[in-house]
């Protein structure tokens, strides 16, 4: 033999013994000097066995379901079936006429749509076809946290923790933002996914963002803060901040118009409450109406694909 070839290890082919290519002459030298492509590094997901993946997903499904049940229990307290209604808790600080930024009572009917959508999400995440998708993995634990925080907020209000409820709802808005950011990386796969995920969590986030503003205002008023003649001016400033937040969400979460629909819904009912109900304020009502139109227009525009320039 003209030379020997050192032991070479090929992926998925075992070991090649020395001298196996000696009959090839100089070609063995070329084989000896060739640089073999290194094996790709395996990520954590590649190292997990299928049973481990199944157990992880099952744990996530069960957690989401348990948090949904907890949220339903909190809702039963919130509507007065198991406790005091939200608007009657904490001395009425969360009534529809408590502050200039409280939406009219009809605005809260949006929760019916959100809860129906959450039932749809609960079904969606149990479907075998969705069990191991990237979308399910990216949203599952955040969705569970949102359900738990929603139920916890209702129970905290029942217990009279006004400022604690502000922290809870702010955390809820953050968690829902993570869900919607995850959804924004891909398009819905079918009508059911569009309704159960994109519509549901879009409405959920948009409403909670506006509810956070109202919650902070109610906490301040409930704590004895009185601004007198400056109250309408401060309310207008807060509305402009809420409108700016709506525009920002349209920019960072394009293609999810449900967020803008929910924010516009809440802002519109603030406008109606100030124009035709108590406490009245023409200025606050007008600014709320303008903000509602602006936020809705921005989100609808973000949902329209940009036109490609002509070649």
C-alpha atoms as a PDB file:
ATOM      1  CA  UNK A   1       0.000   0.000   0.000  1.00  0.00           C
ATOM      2  CA  UNK A   2       1.165   3.511  -0.763  1.00  0.00           C
ATOM      3  CA  UNK A   3      -0.092   4.899   2.497  1.00  0.00           C
ATOM      4  CA  UNK A   4      -2.507   4.377   5.270  1.00  0.00           C
ATOM      5  CA  UNK A   5      -5.590   6.385   6.050  1.00  0.00           C
ATOM      6  CA  UNK A   6      -6.186   7.274   9.687  1.00  0.00           C
ATOM      7  CA  UNK A   7      -9.432   6.158  11.232  1.00  0.00           C
ATOM      8  CA  UNK A   8     -12.157   8.520   9.987  1.00  0.00           C
ATOM      9  CA  UNK A   9     -15.550   8.804  11.629  1.00  0.00           C
ATOM     10  CA  UNK A  10     -18.488   9.585   9.381  1.00  0.00           C
ATOM     11  CA  UNK A  11     -21.853  10.586  10.753  1.00  0.00           C
ATOM     12  CA  UNK A  12     -24.433   7.794  10.710  1.00  0.00           C
ATOM     13  CA  UNK A  13     -21.988   5.410   8.939  1.00  0.00           C
ATOM     14  CA  UNK A  14     -19.854   4.037  11.769  1.00  0.00           C
ATOM     15  CA  UNK A  15     -16.025   3.770  11.615  1.00  0.00           C
ATOM     16  CA  UNK A  16     -13.849   3.259   8.529  1.00  0.00           C
ATOM     17  CA  UNK A  17     -10.810   1.038   9.315  1.00  0.00           C
ATOM     18  CA  UNK A  18      -7.247   1.913   8.406  1.00  0.00           C
ATOM     19  CA  UNK A  19      -6.239   0.984   4.867  1.00  0.00           C
ATOM     20  CA  UNK A  20      -9.806   0.694   3.625  1.00  0.00           C
ATOM     21  CA  UNK A  21      -9.048   3.051   0.733  1.00  0.00           C
ATOM     22  CA  UNK A  22      -5.495   1.873   0.021  1.00  0.00           C
ATOM     23  CA  UNK A  23      -6.508   0.492  -3.406  1.00  0.00           C
ATOM     24  CA  UNK A  24      -7.399   3.995  -4.552  1.00  0.00           C
ATOM     25  CA  UNK A  25      -3.768   5.096  -4.752  1.00  0.00           C
ATOM     26  CA  UNK A  26      -3.192   8.820  -4.399  1.00  0.00           C
ATOM     27  CA  UNK A  27      -6.882   9.362  -3.928  1.00  0.00           C
ATOM     28  CA  UNK A  28      -6.444   8.113  -0.386  1.00  0.00           C
ATOM     29  CA  UNK A  29      -4.126  11.018   0.307  1.00  0.00           C
ATOM     30  CA  UNK A  30      -6.766  13.421  -0.882  1.00  0.00           C
ATOM     31  CA  UNK A  31      -9.271  11.693   1.366  1.00  0.00           C
ATOM     32  CA  UNK A  32      -6.795  11.852   4.222  1.00  0.00           C
ATOM     33  CA  UNK A  33      -6.300  15.599   3.833  1.00  0.00           C
ATOM     34  CA  UNK A  34      -9.961  16.405   3.256  1.00  0.00           C
ATOM     35  CA  UNK A  35     -11.729  18.372   5.959  1.00  0.00           C
ATOM     36  CA  UNK A  36     -14.915  16.700   6.961  1.00  0.00           C
ATOM     37  CA  UNK A  37     -17.915  18.895   7.655  1.00  0.00           C
ATOM     38  CA  UNK A  38     -18.508  19.012  11.422  1.00  0.00           C
ATOM     39  CA  UNK A  39     -21.781  17.749  12.770  1.00  0.00           C
ATOM     40  CA  UNK A  40     -24.306  20.533  13.485  1.00  0.00           C
ATOM     41  CA  UNK A  41     -24.728  21.394  17.119  1.00  0.00           C
ATOM     42  CA  UNK A  42     -27.890  20.136  18.657  1.00  0.00           C
ATOM     43  CA  UNK A  43     -30.135  22.574  20.472  1.00  0.00           C
ATOM     44  CA  UNK A  44     -31.972  21.857  23.693  1.00  0.00           C
ATOM     45  CA  UNK A  45     -35.118  20.922  21.809  1.00  0.00           C
ATOM     46  CA  UNK A  46     -33.209  18.335  19.735  1.00  0.00           C
ATOM     47  CA  UNK A  47     -31.871  16.711  22.885  1.00  0.00           C
ATOM     48  CA  UNK A  48     -35.307  16.192  24.371  1.00  0.00           C
ATOM     49  CA  UNK A  49     -36.971  12.877  23.746  1.00  0.00           C
ATOM     50  CA  UNK A  50     -40.465  12.756  22.335  1.00  0.00           C
ATOM     51  CA  UNK A  51     -41.996  11.581  25.643  1.00  0.00           C
ATOM     52  CA  UNK A  52     -40.353  14.546  27.392  1.00  0.00           C
ATOM     53  CA  UNK A  53     -41.817  16.928  24.840  1.00  0.00           C
ATOM     54  CA  UNK A  54     -45.245  15.355  25.261  1.00  0.00           C
ATOM     55  CA  UNK A  55     -45.062  15.651  29.051  1.00  0.00           C
ATOM     56  CA  UNK A  56     -43.987  19.287  28.796  1.00  0.00           C
ATOM     57  CA  UNK A  57     -46.861  20.141  26.504  1.00  0.00           C
ATOM     58  CA  UNK A  58     -49.320  18.217  28.684  1.00  0.00           C
ATOM     59  CA  UNK A  59     -48.163  20.172  31.731  1.00  0.00           C
ATOM     60  CA  UNK A  60     -48.691  23.407  29.795  1.00  0.00           C
ATOM     61  CA  UNK A  61     -52.176  22.381  28.654  1.00  0.00           C
ATOM     62  CA  UNK A  62     -53.187  21.449  32.199  1.00  0.00           C
ATOM     63  CA  UNK A  63     -51.787  24.720  33.568  1.00  0.00           C
ATOM     64  CA  UNK A  64     -53.709  26.785  31.010  1.00  0.00           C
ATOM     65  CA  UNK A  65     -56.885  24.879  31.846  1.00  0.00           C
ATOM     66  CA  UNK A  66     -56.396  25.309  35.606  1.00  0.00           C
ATOM     67  CA  UNK A  67     -55.734  29.039  35.178  1.00  0.00           C
ATOM     68  CA  UNK A  68     -58.848  29.348  33.035  1.00  0.00           C
ATOM     69  CA  UNK A  69     -60.895  27.744  35.815  1.00  0.00           C
ATOM     70  CA  UNK A  70     -59.319  30.152  38.317  1.00  0.00           C
ATOM     71  CA  UNK A  71     -60.236  33.047  36.052  1.00  0.00           C
ATOM     72  CA  UNK A  72     -63.828  31.858  35.832  1.00  0.00           C
ATOM     73  CA  UNK A  73     -64.035  31.649  39.633  1.00  0.00           C
ATOM     74  CA  UNK A  74     -62.711  35.196  39.867  1.00  0.00           C
ATOM     75  CA  UNK A  75     -65.279  36.317  37.322  1.00  0.00           C
ATOM     76  CA  UNK A  76     -68.093  34.768  39.365  1.00  0.00           C
ATOM     77  CA  UNK A  77     -66.922  36.914  42.255  1.00  0.00           C
ATOM     78  CA  UNK A  78     -66.668  39.958  39.991  1.00  0.00           C
ATOM     79  CA  UNK A  79     -70.224  39.713  38.681  1.00  0.00           C
ATOM     80  CA  UNK A  80     -71.602  39.192  42.181  1.00  0.00           C
ATOM     81  CA  UNK A  81     -72.545  35.513  42.035  1.00  0.00           C
ATOM     82  CA  UNK A  82     -69.992  34.562  44.686  1.00  0.00           C
ATOM     83  CA  UNK A  83     -69.154  37.946  46.159  1.00  0.00           C
ATOM     84  CA  UNK A  84     -69.609  41.683  45.717  1.00  0.00           C
ATOM     85  CA  UNK A  85     -69.858  43.102  42.203  1.00  0.00           C
ATOM     86  CA  UNK A  86     -66.758  44.973  41.046  1.00  0.00           C
ATOM     87  CA  UNK A  87     -68.553  48.308  40.774  1.00  0.00           C
ATOM     88  CA  UNK A  88     -69.755  47.975  44.360  1.00  0.00           C
ATOM     89  CA  UNK A  89     -66.344  47.027  45.754  1.00  0.00           C
ATOM     90  CA  UNK A  90     -63.835  49.424  47.367  1.00  0.00           C
ATOM     91  CA  UNK A  91     -66.481  52.029  48.105  1.00  0.00           C
ATOM     92  CA  UNK A  92     -67.614  52.231  44.473  1.00  0.00           C
ATOM     93  CA  UNK A  93     -64.209  53.438  43.247  1.00  0.00           C
ATOM     94  CA  UNK A  94     -64.617  51.401  40.053  1.00  0.00           C
ATOM     95  CA  UNK A  95     -68.165  52.498  39.167  1.00  0.00           C
ATOM     96  CA  UNK A  96     -68.906  53.749  35.684  1.00  0.00           C
ATOM     97  CA  UNK A  97     -69.457  57.257  37.062  1.00  0.00           C
ATOM     98  CA  UNK A  98     -66.567  57.280  39.558  1.00  0.00           C
ATOM     99  CA  UNK A  99     -64.148  59.410  37.486  1.00  0.00           C
ATOM    100  CA  UNK A 100     -63.961  61.338  34.236  1.00  0.00           C
ATOM    101  CA  UNK A 101     -62.073  58.415  32.701  1.00  0.00           C
ATOM    102  CA  UNK A 102     -64.501  55.672  33.655  1.00  0.00           C
ATOM    103  CA  UNK A 103     -66.177  54.094  30.595  1.00  0.00           C
ATOM    104  CA  UNK A 104     -69.958  53.864  30.550  1.00  0.00           C
ATOM    105  CA  UNK A 105     -71.327  50.590  31.904  1.00  0.00           C
ATOM    106  CA  UNK A 106     -72.078  49.136  28.458  1.00  0.00           C
ATOM    107  CA  UNK A 107     -68.358  49.111  27.652  1.00  0.00           C
ATOM    108  CA  UNK A 108     -67.786  46.175  29.977  1.00  0.00           C
ATOM    109  CA  UNK A 109     -69.907  43.900  27.782  1.00  0.00           C
ATOM    110  CA  UNK A 110     -66.718  43.332  25.777  1.00  0.00           C
ATOM    111  CA  UNK A 111     -65.780  40.785  28.435  1.00  0.00           C
ATOM    112  CA  UNK A 112     -68.468  38.458  27.071  1.00  0.00           C
ATOM    113  CA  UNK A 113     -66.693  38.343  23.709  1.00  0.00           C
ATOM    114  CA  UNK A 114     -63.288  37.908  25.343  1.00  0.00           C
ATOM    115  CA  UNK A 115     -64.432  35.011  27.526  1.00  0.00           C
ATOM    116  CA  UNK A 116     -66.033  33.212  24.593  1.00  0.00           C
ATOM    117  CA  UNK A 117     -62.760  33.645  22.735  1.00  0.00           C
ATOM    118  CA  UNK A 118     -60.791  32.274  25.691  1.00  0.00           C
ATOM    119  CA  UNK A 119     -62.945  29.155  25.630  1.00  0.00           C
ATOM    120  CA  UNK A 120     -62.014  28.850  21.968  1.00  0.00           C
ATOM    121  CA  UNK A 121     -58.334  29.218  22.851  1.00  0.00           C
ATOM    122  CA  UNK A 122     -58.667  26.540  25.505  1.00  0.00           C
ATOM    123  CA  UNK A 123     -60.046  24.176  22.861  1.00  0.00           C
ATOM    124  CA  UNK A 124     -57.421  25.220  20.300  1.00  0.00           C
ATOM    125  CA  UNK A 125     -54.458  24.459  22.547  1.00  0.00           C
ATOM    126  CA  UNK A 126     -55.792  20.954  23.304  1.00  0.00           C
ATOM    127  CA  UNK A 127     -56.119  20.016  19.623  1.00  0.00           C
ATOM    128  CA  UNK A 128     -53.448  17.441  18.648  1.00  0.00           C
ATOM    129  CA  UNK A 129     -52.603  19.379  15.486  1.00  0.00           C
ATOM    130  CA  UNK A 130     -51.537  22.363  17.604  1.00  0.00           C
ATOM    131  CA  UNK A 131     -49.793  20.500  20.403  1.00  0.00           C
ATOM    132  CA  UNK A 132     -46.212  21.012  19.224  1.00  0.00           C
ATOM    133  CA  UNK A 133     -46.444  24.069  16.991  1.00  0.00           C
ATOM    134  CA  UNK A 134     -44.139  27.035  17.550  1.00  0.00           C
ATOM    135  CA  UNK A 135     -47.185  29.240  18.070  1.00  0.00           C
ATOM    136  CA  UNK A 136     -48.506  27.052  20.866  1.00  0.00           C
ATOM    137  CA  UNK A 137     -45.112  26.957  22.571  1.00  0.00           C
ATOM    138  CA  UNK A 138     -44.685  30.735  22.296  1.00  0.00           C
ATOM    139  CA  UNK A 139     -48.091  31.613  23.757  1.00  0.00           C
ATOM    140  CA  UNK A 140     -49.017  28.822  26.168  1.00  0.00           C
ATOM    141  CA  UNK A 141     -47.375  29.888  29.421  1.00  0.00           C
ATOM    142  CA  UNK A 142     -48.036  33.605  28.822  1.00  0.00           C
ATOM    143  CA  UNK A 143     -51.698  32.847  28.143  1.00  0.00           C
ATOM    144  CA  UNK A 144     -51.877  30.849  31.373  1.00  0.00           C
ATOM    145  CA  UNK A 145     -50.346  33.766  33.290  1.00  0.00           C
ATOM    146  CA  UNK A 146     -52.900  36.171  31.801  1.00  0.00           C
ATOM    147  CA  UNK A 147     -55.801  33.992  32.915  1.00  0.00           C
ATOM    148  CA  UNK A 148     -54.370  33.693  36.412  1.00  0.00           C
ATOM    149  CA  UNK A 149     -53.724  37.438  36.714  1.00  0.00           C
ATOM    150  CA  UNK A 150     -57.229  38.254  35.539  1.00  0.00           C
ATOM    151  CA  UNK A 151     -58.781  36.075  38.237  1.00  0.00           C
ATOM    152  CA  UNK A 152     -56.331  37.433  40.821  1.00  0.00           C
ATOM    153  CA  UNK A 153     -57.260  41.028  39.916  1.00  0.00           C
ATOM    154  CA  UNK A 154     -60.921  40.329  40.587  1.00  0.00           C
ATOM    155  CA  UNK A 155     -60.140  38.733  43.938  1.00  0.00           C
ATOM    156  CA  UNK A 156     -57.832  41.593  44.936  1.00  0.00           C
ATOM    157  CA  UNK A 157     -60.610  44.079  44.194  1.00  0.00           C
ATOM    158  CA  UNK A 158     -62.950  42.011  46.337  1.00  0.00           C
ATOM    159  CA  UNK A 159     -60.415  42.252  49.163  1.00  0.00           C
ATOM    160  CA  UNK A 160     -60.216  46.051  48.832  1.00  0.00           C
ATOM    161  CA  UNK A 161     -56.655  46.266  47.489  1.00  0.00           C
ATOM    162  CA  UNK A 162     -57.115  49.248  45.177  1.00  0.00           C
ATOM    163  CA  UNK A 163     -53.458  50.029  44.463  1.00  0.00           C
ATOM    164  CA  UNK A 164     -52.581  46.345  44.423  1.00  0.00           C
ATOM    165  CA  UNK A 165     -55.189  45.960  41.693  1.00  0.00           C
ATOM    166  CA  UNK A 166     -53.272  48.578  39.680  1.00  0.00           C
ATOM    167  CA  UNK A 167     -50.121  46.453  39.883  1.00  0.00           C
ATOM    168  CA  UNK A 168     -52.079  43.353  38.920  1.00  0.00           C
ATOM    169  CA  UNK A 169     -53.694  44.889  35.863  1.00  0.00           C
ATOM    170  CA  UNK A 170     -50.403  46.455  34.733  1.00  0.00           C
ATOM    171  CA  UNK A 171     -48.788  43.017  34.963  1.00  0.00           C
ATOM    172  CA  UNK A 172     -51.724  41.596  33.007  1.00  0.00           C
ATOM    173  CA  UNK A 173     -51.203  44.167  30.245  1.00  0.00           C
ATOM    174  CA  UNK A 174     -47.507  43.255  30.064  1.00  0.00           C
ATOM    175  CA  UNK A 175     -48.249  39.522  29.815  1.00  0.00           C
ATOM    176  CA  UNK A 176     -50.871  40.059  27.113  1.00  0.00           C
ATOM    177  CA  UNK A 177     -48.365  42.189  25.244  1.00  0.00           C
ATOM    178  CA  UNK A 178     -45.984  39.216  25.203  1.00  0.00           C
ATOM    179  CA  UNK A 179     -48.748  37.008  23.792  1.00  0.00           C
ATOM    180  CA  UNK A 180     -49.584  39.454  21.007  1.00  0.00           C
ATOM    181  CA  UNK A 181     -45.919  40.004  20.167  1.00  0.00           C
ATOM    182  CA  UNK A 182     -45.539  36.244  19.784  1.00  0.00           C
ATOM    183  CA  UNK A 183     -48.621  36.092  17.550  1.00  0.00           C
ATOM    184  CA  UNK A 184     -47.292  38.921  15.415  1.00  0.00           C
ATOM    185  CA  UNK A 185     -44.430  36.773  14.114  1.00  0.00           C
ATOM    186  CA  UNK A 186     -46.748  34.641  11.967  1.00  0.00           C
ATOM    187  CA  UNK A 187     -50.119  34.690  10.276  1.00  0.00           C
ATOM    188  CA  UNK A 188     -53.181  32.782  11.523  1.00  0.00           C
ATOM    189  CA  UNK A 189     -53.616  29.277  10.189  1.00  0.00           C
ATOM    190  CA  UNK A 190     -57.318  29.156   9.472  1.00  0.00           C
ATOM    191  CA  UNK A 191     -60.431  30.960  10.682  1.00  0.00           C
ATOM    192  CA  UNK A 192     -60.643  29.173  14.023  1.00  0.00           C
ATOM    193  CA  UNK A 193     -57.086  30.174  14.950  1.00  0.00           C
ATOM    194  CA  UNK A 194     -57.793  33.727  13.789  1.00  0.00           C
ATOM    195  CA  UNK A 195     -60.776  33.963  16.142  1.00  0.00           C
ATOM    196  CA  UNK A 196     -59.436  31.953  19.085  1.00  0.00           C
ATOM    197  CA  UNK A 197     -55.985  33.580  19.209  1.00  0.00           C
ATOM    198  CA  UNK A 198     -55.642  36.774  17.214  1.00  0.00           C
ATOM    199  CA  UNK A 199     -59.093  38.219  17.816  1.00  0.00           C
ATOM    200  CA  UNK A 200     -59.342  37.047  21.433  1.00  0.00           C
ATOM    201  CA  UNK A 201     -55.958  38.217  22.688  1.00  0.00           C
ATOM    202  CA  UNK A 202     -56.065  41.362  20.574  1.00  0.00           C
ATOM    203  CA  UNK A 203     -59.342  42.422  22.190  1.00  0.00           C
ATOM    204  CA  UNK A 204     -58.017  41.293  25.564  1.00  0.00           C
ATOM    205  CA  UNK A 205     -54.851  43.422  25.312  1.00  0.00           C
ATOM    206  CA  UNK A 206     -56.593  46.495  23.895  1.00  0.00           C
ATOM    207  CA  UNK A 207     -59.251  46.497  26.595  1.00  0.00           C
ATOM    208  CA  UNK A 208     -56.799  45.848  29.443  1.00  0.00           C
ATOM    209  CA  UNK A 209     -54.552  48.701  28.282  1.00  0.00           C
ATOM    210  CA  UNK A 210     -57.452  51.112  28.528  1.00  0.00           C
ATOM    211  CA  UNK A 211     -58.715  49.525  31.753  1.00  0.00           C
ATOM    212  CA  UNK A 212     -55.277  50.108  33.274  1.00  0.00           C
ATOM    213  CA  UNK A 213     -55.657  53.836  32.671  1.00  0.00           C
ATOM    214  CA  UNK A 214     -59.111  53.842  34.245  1.00  0.00           C
ATOM    215  CA  UNK A 215     -57.873  51.698  37.148  1.00  0.00           C
ATOM    216  CA  UNK A 216     -55.030  54.100  37.969  1.00  0.00           C
ATOM    217  CA  UNK A 217     -57.423  57.055  37.896  1.00  0.00           C
ATOM    218  CA  UNK A 218     -59.927  55.261  40.125  1.00  0.00           C
ATOM    219  CA  UNK A 219     -57.168  54.333  42.579  1.00  0.00           C
ATOM    220  CA  UNK A 220     -56.065  57.961  42.813  1.00  0.00           C
ATOM    221  CA  UNK A 221     -59.596  59.262  43.348  1.00  0.00           C
ATOM    222  CA  UNK A 222     -60.396  56.437  45.767  1.00  0.00           C
ATOM    223  CA  UNK A 223     -57.303  57.381  47.772  1.00  0.00           C
ATOM    224  CA  UNK A 224     -58.588  60.919  48.225  1.00  0.00           C
ATOM    225  CA  UNK A 225     -56.788  62.749  45.404  1.00  0.00           C
ATOM    226  CA  UNK A 226     -58.850  65.789  44.389  1.00  0.00           C
ATOM    227  CA  UNK A 227     -57.792  68.110  41.573  1.00  0.00           C
ATOM    228  CA  UNK A 228     -60.767  70.426  41.504  1.00  0.00           C
ATOM    229  CA  UNK A 229     -60.893  72.526  38.347  1.00  0.00           C
ATOM    230  CA  UNK A 230     -57.777  70.850  36.984  1.00  0.00           C
ATOM    231  CA  UNK A 231     -59.432  67.444  36.797  1.00  0.00           C
ATOM    232  CA  UNK A 232     -60.652  67.807  33.175  1.00  0.00           C
ATOM    233  CA  UNK A 233     -57.208  68.991  32.058  1.00  0.00           C
ATOM    234  CA  UNK A 234     -55.493  66.056  33.735  1.00  0.00           C
ATOM    235  CA  UNK A 235     -58.067  63.693  32.241  1.00  0.00           C
ATOM    236  CA  UNK A 236     -57.332  65.054  28.762  1.00  0.00           C
ATOM    237  CA  UNK A 237     -53.594  64.557  29.287  1.00  0.00           C
ATOM    238  CA  UNK A 238     -54.184  60.963  30.376  1.00  0.00           C
ATOM    239  CA  UNK A 239     -56.393  60.359  27.331  1.00  0.00           C
ATOM    240  CA  UNK A 240     -53.679  61.679  25.039  1.00  0.00           C
ATOM    241  CA  UNK A 241     -51.201  59.310  26.674  1.00  0.00           C
ATOM    242  CA  UNK A 242     -53.641  56.431  26.150  1.00  0.00           C
ATOM    243  CA  UNK A 243     -54.059  57.470  22.517  1.00  0.00           C
ATOM    244  CA  UNK A 244     -50.276  57.589  22.068  1.00  0.00           C
ATOM    245  CA  UNK A 245     -50.055  54.091  23.549  1.00  0.00           C
ATOM    246  CA  UNK A 246     -52.626  52.909  21.019  1.00  0.00           C
ATOM    247  CA  UNK A 247     -50.582  54.361  18.157  1.00  0.00           C
ATOM    248  CA  UNK A 248     -47.431  52.745  19.538  1.00  0.00           C
ATOM    249  CA  UNK A 249     -49.111  49.338  19.690  1.00  0.00           C
ATOM    250  CA  UNK A 250     -50.211  49.744  16.074  1.00  0.00           C
ATOM    251  CA  UNK A 251     -46.572  50.305  15.169  1.00  0.00           C
ATOM    252  CA  UNK A 252     -45.000  47.434  17.130  1.00  0.00           C
ATOM    253  CA  UNK A 253     -47.863  44.963  16.633  1.00  0.00           C
ATOM    254  CA  UNK A 254     -49.039  45.601  13.068  1.00  0.00           C
ATOM    255  CA  UNK A 255     -51.670  43.401  11.515  1.00  0.00           C
ATOM    256  CA  UNK A 256     -53.626  42.922  14.751  1.00  0.00           C
ATOM    257  CA  UNK A 257     -56.568  45.329  14.390  1.00  0.00           C
ATOM    258  CA  UNK A 258     -58.460  43.743  17.293  1.00  0.00           C
ATOM    259  CA  UNK A 259     -56.171  45.666  19.669  1.00  0.00           C
ATOM    260  CA  UNK A 260     -57.272  48.960  18.172  1.00  0.00           C
ATOM    261  CA  UNK A 261     -60.919  47.874  18.067  1.00  0.00           C
ATOM    262  CA  UNK A 262     -60.928  47.198  21.811  1.00  0.00           C
ATOM    263  CA  UNK A 263     -59.117  50.424  22.674  1.00  0.00           C
ATOM    264  CA  UNK A 264     -61.438  52.422  20.443  1.00  0.00           C
ATOM    265  CA  UNK A 265     -64.414  50.666  22.058  1.00  0.00           C
ATOM    266  CA  UNK A 266     -63.297  51.730  25.517  1.00  0.00           C
ATOM    267  CA  UNK A 267     -62.388  55.272  24.480  1.00  0.00           C
ATOM    268  CA  UNK A 268     -65.707  55.609  22.670  1.00  0.00           C
ATOM    269  CA  UNK A 269     -67.638  54.639  25.804  1.00  0.00           C
ATOM    270  CA  UNK A 270     -65.611  57.112  27.857  1.00  0.00           C
ATOM    271  CA  UNK A 271     -66.727  59.734  25.346  1.00  0.00           C
ATOM    272  CA  UNK A 272     -70.376  58.652  25.598  1.00  0.00           C
ATOM    273  CA  UNK A 273     -70.194  58.583  29.385  1.00  0.00           C
ATOM    274  CA  UNK A 274     -68.897  62.153  29.556  1.00  0.00           C
ATOM    275  CA  UNK A 275     -71.257  63.508  26.914  1.00  0.00           C
ATOM    276  CA  UNK A 276     -74.566  61.942  27.984  1.00  0.00           C
ATOM    277  CA  UNK A 277     -74.010  60.554  31.509  1.00  0.00           C
ATOM    278  CA  UNK A 278     -72.312  61.424  34.790  1.00  0.00           C
ATOM    279  CA  UNK A 279     -69.907  63.038  35.456  1.00  0.00           C
ATOM    280  CA  UNK A 280     -70.341  65.293  32.421  1.00  0.00           C
ATOM    281  CA  UNK A 281     -67.436  66.934  30.578  1.00  0.00           C
ATOM    282  CA  UNK A 282     -67.694  68.134  26.992  1.00  0.00           C
ATOM    283  CA  UNK A 283     -63.924  68.551  26.736  1.00  0.00           C
ATOM    284  CA  UNK A 284     -63.076  65.069  27.983  1.00  0.00           C
ATOM    285  CA  UNK A 285     -65.807  63.490  25.851  1.00  0.00           C
ATOM    286  CA  UNK A 286     -64.608  65.225  22.686  1.00  0.00           C
ATOM    287  CA  UNK A 287     -60.952  64.311  23.237  1.00  0.00           C
ATOM    288  CA  UNK A 288     -61.883  60.685  24.019  1.00  0.00           C
ATOM    289  CA  UNK A 289     -63.866  60.481  20.760  1.00  0.00           C
ATOM    290  CA  UNK A 290     -60.959  61.878  18.722  1.00  0.00           C
ATOM    291  CA  UNK A 291     -58.527  59.441  20.366  1.00  0.00           C
ATOM    292  CA  UNK A 292     -60.869  56.538  19.635  1.00  0.00           C
ATOM    293  CA  UNK A 293     -61.015  57.392  15.929  1.00  0.00           C
ATOM    294  CA  UNK A 294     -57.255  57.924  15.711  1.00  0.00           C
ATOM    295  CA  UNK A 295     -56.352  54.651  17.434  1.00  0.00           C
ATOM    296  CA  UNK A 296     -58.824  52.635  15.372  1.00  0.00           C
ATOM    297  CA  UNK A 297     -57.607  54.180  12.116  1.00  0.00           C
ATOM    298  CA  UNK A 298     -53.962  53.467  12.975  1.00  0.00           C
ATOM    299  CA  UNK A 299     -54.632  49.802  13.707  1.00  0.00           C
ATOM    300  CA  UNK A 300     -56.805  49.283  10.650  1.00  0.00           C
ATOM    301  CA  UNK A 301     -54.127  50.877   8.512  1.00  0.00           C
ATOM    302  CA  UNK A 302     -51.471  48.606  10.019  1.00  0.00           C
ATOM    303  CA  UNK A 303     -53.555  45.593   9.007  1.00  0.00           C
ATOM    304  CA  UNK A 304     -53.493  46.570   5.312  1.00  0.00           C
ATOM    305  CA  UNK A 305     -50.413  45.205   3.492  1.00  0.00           C
ATOM    306  CA  UNK A 306     -48.202  47.911   2.075  1.00  0.00           C
ATOM    307  CA  UNK A 307     -48.451  48.264  -1.702  1.00  0.00           C
ATOM    308  CA  UNK A 308     -45.366  47.059  -3.549  1.00  0.00           C
ATOM    309  CA  UNK A 309     -43.715  49.606  -5.853  1.00  0.00           C
ATOM    310  CA  UNK A 310     -44.148  48.928  -9.540  1.00  0.00           C
ATOM    311  CA  UNK A 311     -41.181  47.234 -11.196  1.00  0.00           C
END
